[in-house]
PDB file of all heavy atoms in Angstrom:
ATOM      1  N   ASP A   1     -38.402  24.358 -75.961  1.00  0.00           N
ATOM      2  CA  ASP A   1     -39.644  23.583 -75.866  1.00  0.00           C
ATOM      3  C   ASP A   1     -40.814  24.148 -76.650  1.00  0.00           C
ATOM      4  O   ASP A   1     -41.907  23.572 -76.647  1.00  0.00           O
ATOM      5  CB  ASP A   1     -40.052  23.432 -74.399  1.00  0.00           C
ATOM      6  CG  ASP A   1     -40.391  24.760 -73.723  1.00  0.00           C
ATOM      7  OD1 ASP A   1     -40.246  25.818 -74.369  1.00  0.00           O
ATOM      8  OD2 ASP A   1     -40.807  24.725 -72.550  1.00  0.00           O
ATOM      9  N   GLY A   2     -40.658  25.300 -77.309  1.00  0.00           N
ATOM     10  CA  GLY A   2     -41.779  25.894 -78.022  1.00  0.00           C
ATOM     11  C   GLY A   2     -42.782  26.583 -77.122  1.00  0.00           C
ATOM     12  O   GLY A   2     -43.809  27.082 -77.600  1.00  0.00           O
ATOM     13  N   ARG A   3     -42.505  26.624 -75.834  1.00  0.00           N
ATOM     14  CA  ARG A   3     -43.385  27.295 -74.868  1.00  0.00           C
ATOM     15  C   ARG A   3     -42.668  28.468 -74.208  1.00  0.00           C
ATOM     16  O   ARG A   3     -43.102  29.598 -74.294  1.00  0.00           O
ATOM     17  CB  ARG A   3     -43.852  26.297 -73.793  1.00  0.00           C
ATOM     18  CG  ARG A   3     -44.748  25.190 -74.313  1.00  0.00           C
ATOM     19  CD  ARG A   3     -45.062  24.193 -73.215  1.00  0.00           C
ATOM     20  NE  ARG A   3     -45.748  24.828 -72.083  1.00  0.00           N
ATOM     21  CZ  ARG A   3     -45.651  24.406 -70.829  1.00  0.00           C
ATOM     22  NH1 ARG A   3     -44.891  23.358 -70.532  1.00  0.00           N
ATOM     23  NH2 ARG A   3     -46.316  25.022 -69.874  1.00  0.00           N
ATOM     24  N   PHE A   4     -41.546  28.173 -73.577  1.00  0.00           N
ATOM     25  CA  PHE A   4     -40.767  29.264 -72.976  1.00  0.00           C
ATOM     26  C   PHE A   4     -40.177  30.162 -74.060  1.00  0.00           C
ATOM     27  O   PHE A   4     -40.053  31.366 -73.882  1.00  0.00           O
ATOM     28  CB  PHE A   4     -39.655  28.695 -72.094  1.00  0.00           C
ATOM     29  CG  PHE A   4     -38.824  29.751 -71.431  1.00  0.00           C
ATOM     30  CD1 PHE A   4     -39.347  30.541 -70.427  1.00  0.00           C
ATOM     31  CD2 PHE A   4     -37.515  29.971 -71.818  1.00  0.00           C
ATOM     32  CE1 PHE A   4     -38.594  31.546 -69.821  1.00  0.00           C
ATOM     33  CE2 PHE A   4     -36.744  30.956 -71.221  1.00  0.00           C
ATOM     34  CZ  PHE A   4     -37.288  31.744 -70.218  1.00  0.00           C
ATOM     35  N   VAL A   5     -39.781  29.561 -75.160  1.00  0.00           N
ATOM     36  CA  VAL A   5     -39.300  30.305 -76.328  1.00  0.00           C
ATOM     37  C   VAL A   5     -40.093  29.849 -77.554  1.00  0.00           C
ATOM     38  O   VAL A   5     -40.604  28.733 -77.584  1.00  0.00           O
ATOM     39  CB  VAL A   5     -37.784  30.082 -76.568  1.00  0.00           C
ATOM     40  CG1 VAL A   5     -36.973  30.688 -75.445  1.00  0.00           C
ATOM     41  CG2 VAL A   5     -37.464  28.596 -76.719  1.00  0.00           C
ATOM     42  N   PRO A   6     -40.200  30.692 -78.582  1.00  0.00           N
ATOM     43  CA  PRO A   6     -41.026  30.351 -79.751  1.00  0.00           C
ATOM     44  C   PRO A   6     -40.307  29.468 -80.758  1.00  0.00           C
ATOM     45  O   PRO A   6     -40.322  29.744 -81.963  1.00  0.00           O
ATOM     46  CB  PRO A   6     -41.353  31.723 -80.341  1.00  0.00           C
ATOM     47  CG  PRO A   6     -40.160  32.554 -80.015  1.00  0.00           C
ATOM     48  CD  PRO A   6     -39.703  32.083 -78.648  1.00  0.00           C
ATOM     49  N   ASN A   7     -39.675  28.421 -80.282  1.00  0.00           N
ATOM     50  CA  ASN A   7     -38.966  27.519 -81.180  1.00  0.00           C
ATOM     51  C   ASN A   7     -38.789  26.190 -80.469  1.00  0.00           C
ATOM     52  O   ASN A   7     -38.786  26.121 -79.234  1.00  0.00           O
ATOM     53  CB  ASN A   7     -37.598  28.099 -81.556  1.00  0.00           C
ATOM     54  CG  ASN A   7     -36.972  27.403 -82.752  1.00  0.00           C
ATOM     55  OD1 ASN A   7     -37.629  26.642 -83.457  1.00  0.00           O
ATOM     56  ND2 ASN A   7     -35.699  27.655 -82.992  1.00  0.00           N
ATOM     57  N   ILE A   8     -38.640  25.118 -81.221  1.00  0.00           N
ATOM     58  CA  ILE A   8     -38.355  23.793 -80.685  1.00  0.00           C
ATOM     59  C   ILE A   8     -37.036  23.327 -81.299  1.00  0.00           C
ATOM     60  O   ILE A   8     -36.859  23.389 -82.519  1.00  0.00           O
ATOM     61  CB  ILE A   8     -39.481  22.790 -81.026  1.00  0.00           C
ATOM     62  CG1 ILE A   8     -40.795  23.233 -80.372  1.00  0.00           C
ATOM     63  CG2 ILE A   8     -39.101  21.386 -80.559  1.00  0.00           C
ATOM     64  CD1 ILE A   8     -41.993  22.398 -80.784  1.00  0.00           C
ATOM     65  N   SER A   9     -36.111  22.896 -80.463  1.00  0.00           N
ATOM     66  CA  SER A   9     -34.816  22.467 -80.995  1.00  0.00           C
ATOM     67  C   SER A   9     -34.666  20.956 -80.890  1.00  0.00           C
ATOM     68  O   SER A   9     -34.958  20.219 -81.818  1.00  0.00           O
ATOM     69  CB  SER A   9     -33.673  23.182 -80.265  1.00  0.00           C
ATOM     70  OG  SER A   9     -33.726  22.936 -78.864  1.00  0.00           O
ATOM     71  N   PHE A  10     -34.225  20.472 -79.741  1.00  0.00           N
ATOM     72  CA  PHE A  10     -34.048  19.032 -79.523  1.00  0.00           C
ATOM     73  C   PHE A  10     -34.198  18.759 -78.037  1.00  0.00           C
ATOM     74  O   PHE A  10     -34.227  19.675 -77.213  1.00  0.00           O
ATOM     75  CB  PHE A  10     -32.683  18.549 -80.040  1.00  0.00           C
ATOM     76  CG  PHE A  10     -31.525  19.395 -79.592  1.00  0.00           C
ATOM     77  CD1 PHE A  10     -31.000  19.274 -78.313  1.00  0.00           C
ATOM     78  CD2 PHE A  10     -30.944  20.318 -80.452  1.00  0.00           C
ATOM     79  CE1 PHE A  10     -29.929  20.055 -77.893  1.00  0.00           C
ATOM     80  CE2 PHE A  10     -29.867  21.105 -80.043  1.00  0.00           C
ATOM     81  CZ  PHE A  10     -29.366  20.967 -78.765  1.00  0.00           C
ATOM     82  N   GLY A  11     -34.293  17.475 -77.698  1.00  0.00           N
ATOM     83  CA  GLY A  11     -34.536  17.116 -76.309  1.00  0.00           C
ATOM     84  C   GLY A  11     -33.589  16.070 -75.791  1.00  0.00           C
ATOM     85  O   GLY A  11     -32.442  15.946 -76.244  1.00  0.00           O
ATOM     86  N   MET A  12     -34.093  15.267 -74.848  1.00  0.00           N
ATOM     87  CA  MET A  12     -33.249  14.306 -74.146  1.00  0.00           C
ATOM     88  C   MET A  12     -32.561  13.302 -75.070  1.00  0.00           C
ATOM     89  O   MET A  12     -31.416  12.931 -74.852  1.00  0.00           O
ATOM     90  CB  MET A  12     -34.074  13.533 -73.110  1.00  0.00           C
ATOM     91  CG  MET A  12     -33.965  14.063 -71.715  1.00  0.00           C
ATOM     92  SD  MET A  12     -35.261  15.240 -71.321  1.00  0.00           S
ATOM     93  CE  MET A  12     -36.748  14.282 -71.452  1.00  0.00           C
ATOM     94  N   MET A  13     -33.266  12.850 -76.097  1.00  0.00           N
ATOM     95  CA  MET A  13     -32.707  11.790 -76.945  1.00  0.00           C
ATOM     96  C   MET A  13     -31.436  12.259 -77.651  1.00  0.00           C
ATOM     97  O   MET A  13     -30.452  11.521 -77.721  1.00  0.00           O
ATOM     98  CB  MET A  13     -33.747  11.326 -77.973  1.00  0.00           C
ATOM     99  CG  MET A  13     -34.918  10.580 -77.339  1.00  0.00           C
ATOM    100  SD  MET A  13     -36.126  10.042 -78.560  1.00  0.00           S
ATOM    101  CE  MET A  13     -35.163   8.843 -79.475  1.00  0.00           C
ATOM    102  N   VAL A  14     -31.460  13.495 -78.158  1.00  0.00           N
ATOM    103  CA  VAL A  14     -30.269  14.022 -78.829  1.00  0.00           C
ATOM    104  C   VAL A  14     -29.151  14.245 -77.807  1.00  0.00           C
ATOM    105  O   VAL A  14     -27.993  13.895 -78.050  1.00  0.00           O
ATOM    106  CB  VAL A  14     -30.595  15.330 -79.575  1.00  0.00           C
ATOM    107  CG1 VAL A  14     -29.319  16.006 -80.072  1.00  0.00           C
ATOM    108  CG2 VAL A  14     -31.536  15.062 -80.734  1.00  0.00           C
ATOM    109  N   VAL A  15     -29.493  14.822 -76.656  1.00  0.00           N
ATOM    110  CA  VAL A  15     -28.488  15.052 -75.616  1.00  0.00           C
ATOM    111  C   VAL A  15     -27.856  13.724 -75.193  1.00  0.00           C
ATOM    112  O   VAL A  15     -26.628  13.628 -75.029  1.00  0.00           O
ATOM    113  CB  VAL A  15     -29.119  15.765 -74.401  1.00  0.00           C
ATOM    114  CG1 VAL A  15     -28.115  15.862 -73.254  1.00  0.00           C
ATOM    115  CG2 VAL A  15     -29.596  17.155 -74.799  1.00  0.00           C
ATOM    116  N   GLU A  16     -28.671  12.708 -75.037  1.00  0.00           N
ATOM    117  CA  GLU A  16     -28.158  11.400 -74.613  1.00  0.00           C
ATOM    118  C   GLU A  16     -27.212  10.801 -75.654  1.00  0.00           C
ATOM    119  O   GLU A  16     -26.151  10.261 -75.310  1.00  0.00           O
ATOM    120  CB  GLU A  16     -29.316  10.449 -74.365  1.00  0.00           C
ATOM    121  CG  GLU A  16     -28.888   9.080 -73.858  1.00  0.00           C
ATOM    122  CD  GLU A  16     -30.063   8.166 -73.573  1.00  0.00           C
ATOM    123  OE1 GLU A  16     -31.197   8.526 -73.921  1.00  0.00           O
ATOM    124  OE2 GLU A  16     -29.844   7.083 -72.995  1.00  0.00           O
ATOM    125  N   GLN A  17     -27.589  10.882 -76.935  1.00  0.00           N
ATOM    126  CA  GLN A  17     -26.746  10.317 -77.985  1.00  0.00           C
ATOM    127  C   GLN A  17     -25.426  11.072 -78.098  1.00  0.00           C
ATOM    128  O   GLN A  17     -24.367  10.465 -78.258  1.00  0.00           O
ATOM    129  CB  GLN A  17     -27.497  10.335 -79.327  1.00  0.00           C
ATOM    130  CG  GLN A  17     -28.684   9.401 -79.389  1.00  0.00           C
ATOM    131  CD  GLN A  17     -28.319   7.958 -79.088  1.00  0.00           C
ATOM    132  OE1 GLN A  17     -27.369   7.415 -79.652  1.00  0.00           O
ATOM    133  NE2 GLN A  17     -29.060   7.328 -78.188  1.00  0.00           N
ATOM    134  N   VAL A  18     -25.488  12.387 -77.996  1.00  0.00           N
ATOM    135  CA  VAL A  18     -24.264  13.190 -78.027  1.00  0.00           C
ATOM    136  C   VAL A  18     -23.389  12.863 -76.826  1.00  0.00           C
ATOM    137  O   VAL A  18     -22.161  12.722 -76.929  1.00  0.00           O
ATOM    138  CB  VAL A  18     -24.595  14.696 -78.066  1.00  0.00           C
ATOM    139  CG1 VAL A  18     -23.331  15.534 -77.843  1.00  0.00           C
ATOM    140  CG2 VAL A  18     -25.243  15.060 -79.392  1.00  0.00           C
ATOM    141  N   GLY A  19     -24.024  12.723 -75.664  1.00  0.00           N
ATOM    142  CA  GLY A  19     -23.288  12.425 -74.437  1.00  0.00           C
ATOM    143  C   GLY A  19     -22.528  11.112 -74.490  1.00  0.00           C
ATOM    144  O   GLY A  19     -21.532  10.936 -73.782  1.00  0.00           O
ATOM    145  N   LYS A  20     -22.973  10.173 -75.321  1.00  0.00           N
ATOM    146  CA  LYS A  20     -22.310   8.868 -75.425  1.00  0.00           C
ATOM    147  C   LYS A  20     -20.950   8.964 -76.122  1.00  0.00           C
ATOM    148  O   LYS A  20     -20.077   8.116 -75.898  1.00  0.00           O
ATOM    149  CB  LYS A  20     -23.204   7.887 -76.184  1.00  0.00           C
ATOM    150  CG  LYS A  20     -24.437   7.437 -75.415  1.00  0.00           C
ATOM    151  CD  LYS A  20     -25.278   6.487 -76.244  1.00  0.00           C
ATOM    152  CE  LYS A  20     -26.515   6.018 -75.477  1.00  0.00           C
ATOM    153  NZ  LYS A  20     -27.362   5.112 -76.291  1.00  0.00           N
ATOM    154  N   VAL A  21     -20.795   9.982 -76.976  1.00  0.00           N
ATOM    155  CA  VAL A  21     -19.561  10.070 -77.760  1.00  0.00           C
ATOM    156  C   VAL A  21     -18.725  11.306 -77.438  1.00  0.00           C
ATOM    157  O   VAL A  21     -17.521  11.317 -77.697  1.00  0.00           O
ATOM    158  CB  VAL A  21     -19.870  10.030 -79.281  1.00  0.00           C
ATOM    159  CG1 VAL A  21     -20.487   8.695 -79.656  1.00  0.00           C
ATOM    160  CG2 VAL A  21     -20.798  11.170 -79.678  1.00  0.00           C
ATOM    161  N   LEU A  22     -19.351  12.339 -76.886  1.00  0.00           N
ATOM    162  CA  LEU A  22     -18.624  13.573 -76.592  1.00  0.00           C
ATOM    163  C   LEU A  22     -17.599  13.353 -75.495  1.00  0.00           C
ATOM    164  O   LEU A  22     -17.906  12.792 -74.452  1.00  0.00           O
ATOM    165  CB  LEU A  22     -19.618  14.666 -76.164  1.00  0.00           C
ATOM    166  CG  LEU A  22     -19.031  16.030 -75.817  1.00  0.00           C
ATOM    167  CD1 LEU A  22     -18.452  16.705 -77.062  1.00  0.00           C
ATOM    168  CD2 LEU A  22     -20.092  16.916 -75.167  1.00  0.00           C
ATOM    169  N   GLU A  23     -16.375  13.810 -75.732  1.00  0.00           N
ATOM    170  CA  GLU A  23     -15.308  13.671 -74.737  1.00  0.00           C
ATOM    171  C   GLU A  23     -15.199  14.894 -73.831  1.00  0.00           C
ATOM    172  O   GLU A  23     -14.718  14.797 -72.707  1.00  0.00           O
ATOM    173  CB  GLU A  23     -13.966  13.431 -75.449  1.00  0.00           C
ATOM    174  CG  GLU A  23     -13.937  12.115 -76.246  1.00  0.00           C
ATOM    175  CD  GLU A  23     -12.645  11.939 -77.010  1.00  0.00           C
ATOM    176  OE1 GLU A  23     -11.741  12.794 -76.856  1.00  0.00           O
ATOM    177  OE2 GLU A  23     -12.531  10.959 -77.775  1.00  0.00           O
ATOM    178  N   LYS A  24     -15.661  16.039 -74.315  1.00  0.00           N
ATOM    179  CA  LYS A  24     -15.568  17.277 -73.548  1.00  0.00           C
ATOM    180  C   LYS A  24     -16.855  17.502 -72.748  1.00  0.00           C
ATOM    181  O   LYS A  24     -17.883  16.872 -73.013  1.00  0.00           O
ATOM    182  CB  LYS A  24     -15.276  18.450 -74.486  1.00  0.00           C
ATOM    183  CG  LYS A  24     -13.887  18.340 -75.096  1.00  0.00           C
ATOM    184  CD  LYS A  24     -13.520  19.525 -75.949  1.00  0.00           C
ATOM    185  CE  LYS A  24     -12.071  19.394 -76.455  1.00  0.00           C
ATOM    186  NZ  LYS A  24     -11.680  20.524 -77.334  1.00  0.00           N
ATOM    187  N   PRO A  25     -16.821  18.403 -71.767  1.00  0.00           N
ATOM    188  CA  PRO A  25     -18.021  18.648 -70.954  1.00  0.00           C
ATOM    189  C   PRO A  25     -19.189  19.163 -71.794  1.00  0.00           C
ATOM    190  O   PRO A  25     -19.003  19.905 -72.763  1.00  0.00           O
ATOM    191  CB  PRO A  25     -17.543  19.712 -69.957  1.00  0.00           C
ATOM    192  CG  PRO A  25     -16.069  19.517 -69.859  1.00  0.00           C
ATOM    193  CD  PRO A  25     -15.641  19.124 -71.242  1.00  0.00           C
ATOM    194  N   MET A  26     -20.391  18.746 -71.377  1.00  0.00           N
ATOM    195  CA  MET A  26     -21.609  19.157 -72.069  1.00  0.00           C
ATOM    196  C   MET A  26     -22.366  20.172 -71.210  1.00  0.00           C
ATOM    197  O   MET A  26     -22.725  19.901 -70.071  1.00  0.00           O
ATOM    198  CB  MET A  26     -22.485  17.946 -72.387  1.00  0.00           C
ATOM    199  CG  MET A  26     -23.711  18.290 -73.197  1.00  0.00           C
ATOM    200  SD  MET A  26     -24.414  16.871 -74.095  1.00  0.00           S
ATOM    201  CE  MET A  26     -24.472  15.618 -72.830  1.00  0.00           C
ATOM    202  N   ASP A  27     -22.583  21.333 -71.800  1.00  0.00           N
ATOM    203  CA  ASP A  27     -23.187  22.489 -71.151  1.00  0.00           C
ATOM    204  C   ASP A  27     -24.625  22.601 -71.655  1.00  0.00           C
ATOM    205  O   ASP A  27     -24.863  23.083 -72.758  1.00  0.00           O
ATOM    206  CB  ASP A  27     -22.348  23.725 -71.537  1.00  0.00           C
ATOM    207  CG  ASP A  27     -22.865  25.021 -70.978  1.00  0.00           C
ATOM    208  OD1 ASP A  27     -23.434  25.009 -69.875  1.00  0.00           O
ATOM    209  OD2 ASP A  27     -22.684  26.059 -71.649  1.00  0.00           O
ATOM    210  N   VAL A  28     -25.592  22.150 -70.854  1.00  0.00           N
ATOM    211  CA  VAL A  28     -26.983  22.060 -71.293  1.00  0.00           C
ATOM    212  C   VAL A  28     -27.772  23.268 -70.808  1.00  0.00           C
ATOM    213  O   VAL A  28     -27.892  23.508 -69.607  1.00  0.00           O
ATOM    214  CB  VAL A  28     -27.634  20.755 -70.803  1.00  0.00           C
ATOM    215  CG1 VAL A  28     -29.107  20.710 -71.187  1.00  0.00           C
ATOM    216  CG2 VAL A  28     -26.903  19.548 -71.384  1.00  0.00           C
ATOM    217  N   HIS A  29     -28.326  23.996 -71.737  1.00  0.00           N
ATOM    218  CA  HIS A  29     -29.084  25.223 -71.475  1.00  0.00           C
ATOM    219  C   HIS A  29     -30.556  24.935 -71.739  1.00  0.00           C
ATOM    220  O   HIS A  29     -30.972  24.766 -72.883  1.00  0.00           O
ATOM    221  CB  HIS A  29     -28.550  26.328 -72.411  1.00  0.00           C
ATOM    222  CG  HIS A  29     -29.299  27.614 -72.319  1.00  0.00           C
ATOM    223  ND1 HIS A  29     -29.185  28.591 -73.288  1.00  0.00           N
ATOM    224  CD2 HIS A  29     -30.164  28.110 -71.395  1.00  0.00           C
ATOM    225  CE1 HIS A  29     -29.935  29.629 -72.964  1.00  0.00           C
ATOM    226  NE2 HIS A  29     -30.545  29.347 -71.826  1.00  0.00           N
ATOM    227  N   LEU A  30     -31.345  24.892 -70.656  1.00  0.00           N
ATOM    228  CA  LEU A  30     -32.762  24.551 -70.764  1.00  0.00           C
ATOM    229  C   LEU A  30     -33.603  25.808 -70.928  1.00  0.00           C
ATOM    230  O   LEU A  30     -33.878  26.518 -69.966  1.00  0.00           O
ATOM    231  CB  LEU A  30     -33.212  23.769 -69.531  1.00  0.00           C
ATOM    232  CG  LEU A  30     -32.514  22.426 -69.287  1.00  0.00           C
ATOM    233  CD1 LEU A  30     -33.116  21.739 -68.065  1.00  0.00           C
ATOM    234  CD2 LEU A  30     -32.596  21.521 -70.511  1.00  0.00           C
ATOM    235  N   MET A  31     -34.025  26.065 -72.139  1.00  0.00           N
ATOM    236  CA  MET A  31     -34.962  27.163 -72.417  1.00  0.00           C
ATOM    237  C   MET A  31     -36.360  26.574 -72.452  1.00  0.00           C
ATOM    238  O   MET A  31     -37.016  26.502 -73.498  1.00  0.00           O
ATOM    239  CB  MET A  31     -34.595  27.841 -73.736  1.00  0.00           C
ATOM    240  CG  MET A  31     -33.326  28.667 -73.651  1.00  0.00           C
ATOM    241  SD  MET A  31     -32.862  29.421 -75.225  1.00  0.00           S
ATOM    242  CE  MET A  31     -31.721  28.158 -75.815  1.00  0.00           C
ATOM    243  N   ILE A  32     -36.800  26.114 -71.273  1.00  0.00           N
ATOM    244  CA  ILE A  32     -38.055  25.371 -71.185  1.00  0.00           C
ATOM    245  C   ILE A  32     -38.834  25.774 -69.942  1.00  0.00           C
ATOM    246  O   ILE A  32     -38.270  26.243 -68.962  1.00  0.00           O
ATOM    247  CB  ILE A  32     -37.805  23.845 -71.160  1.00  0.00           C
ATOM    248  CG1 ILE A  32     -37.074  23.431 -69.880  1.00  0.00           C
ATOM    249  CG2 ILE A  32     -37.024  23.399 -72.385  1.00  0.00           C
ATOM    250  CD1 ILE A  32     -36.887  21.919 -69.734  1.00  0.00           C
ATOM    251  N   GLU A  33     -40.157  25.560 -70.012  1.00  0.00           N
ATOM    252  CA  GLU A  33     -41.000  25.715 -68.841  1.00  0.00           C
ATOM    253  C   GLU A  33     -40.844  24.493 -67.939  1.00  0.00           C
ATOM    254  O   GLU A  33     -40.522  23.400 -68.401  1.00  0.00           O
ATOM    255  CB  GLU A  33     -42.464  25.849 -69.268  1.00  0.00           C
ATOM    256  CG  GLU A  33     -42.765  27.069 -70.127  1.00  0.00           C
ATOM    257  CD  GLU A  33     -42.842  28.347 -69.320  1.00  0.00           C
ATOM    258  OE1 GLU A  33     -42.774  28.257 -68.069  1.00  0.00           O
ATOM    259  OE2 GLU A  33     -42.976  29.421 -69.926  1.00  0.00           O
ATOM    260  N   GLU A  34     -41.059  24.679 -66.660  1.00  0.00           N
ATOM    261  CA  GLU A  34     -41.040  23.601 -65.663  1.00  0.00           C
ATOM    262  C   GLU A  34     -39.806  22.694 -65.781  1.00  0.00           C
ATOM    263  O   GLU A  34     -39.921  21.473 -65.906  1.00  0.00           O
ATOM    264  CB  GLU A  34     -42.317  22.761 -65.775  1.00  0.00           C
ATOM    265  CG  GLU A  34     -43.588  23.569 -65.561  1.00  0.00           C
ATOM    266  CD  GLU A  34     -44.844  22.745 -65.705  1.00  0.00           C
ATOM    267  OE1 GLU A  34     -45.023  22.111 -66.773  1.00  0.00           O
ATOM    268  OE2 GLU A  34     -45.640  22.716 -64.752  1.00  0.00           O
ATOM    269  N   PRO A  35     -38.624  23.268 -65.756  1.00  0.00           N
ATOM    270  CA  PRO A  35     -37.414  22.457 -65.925  1.00  0.00           C
ATOM    271  C   PRO A  35     -37.241  21.402 -64.843  1.00  0.00           C
ATOM    272  O   PRO A  35     -36.569  20.379 -65.071  1.00  0.00           O
ATOM    273  CB  PRO A  35     -36.290  23.490 -65.879  1.00  0.00           C
ATOM    274  CG  PRO A  35     -36.860  24.635 -65.105  1.00  0.00           C
ATOM    275  CD  PRO A  35     -38.305  24.683 -65.493  1.00  0.00           C
TER     276      PRO A  35
END
C-alpha cells in the first residue's frame, strides 16, 4: 500500500481478475495498514 511498506504493487482489481482465471489456490499477502 505504500504505507506499511515503501512500495505500491497492486490491489483488489488485479487480485479479482487473476482469481477469475486461476485454477490453483491464491495466497494473498497483505502488506498494508488497517487490513
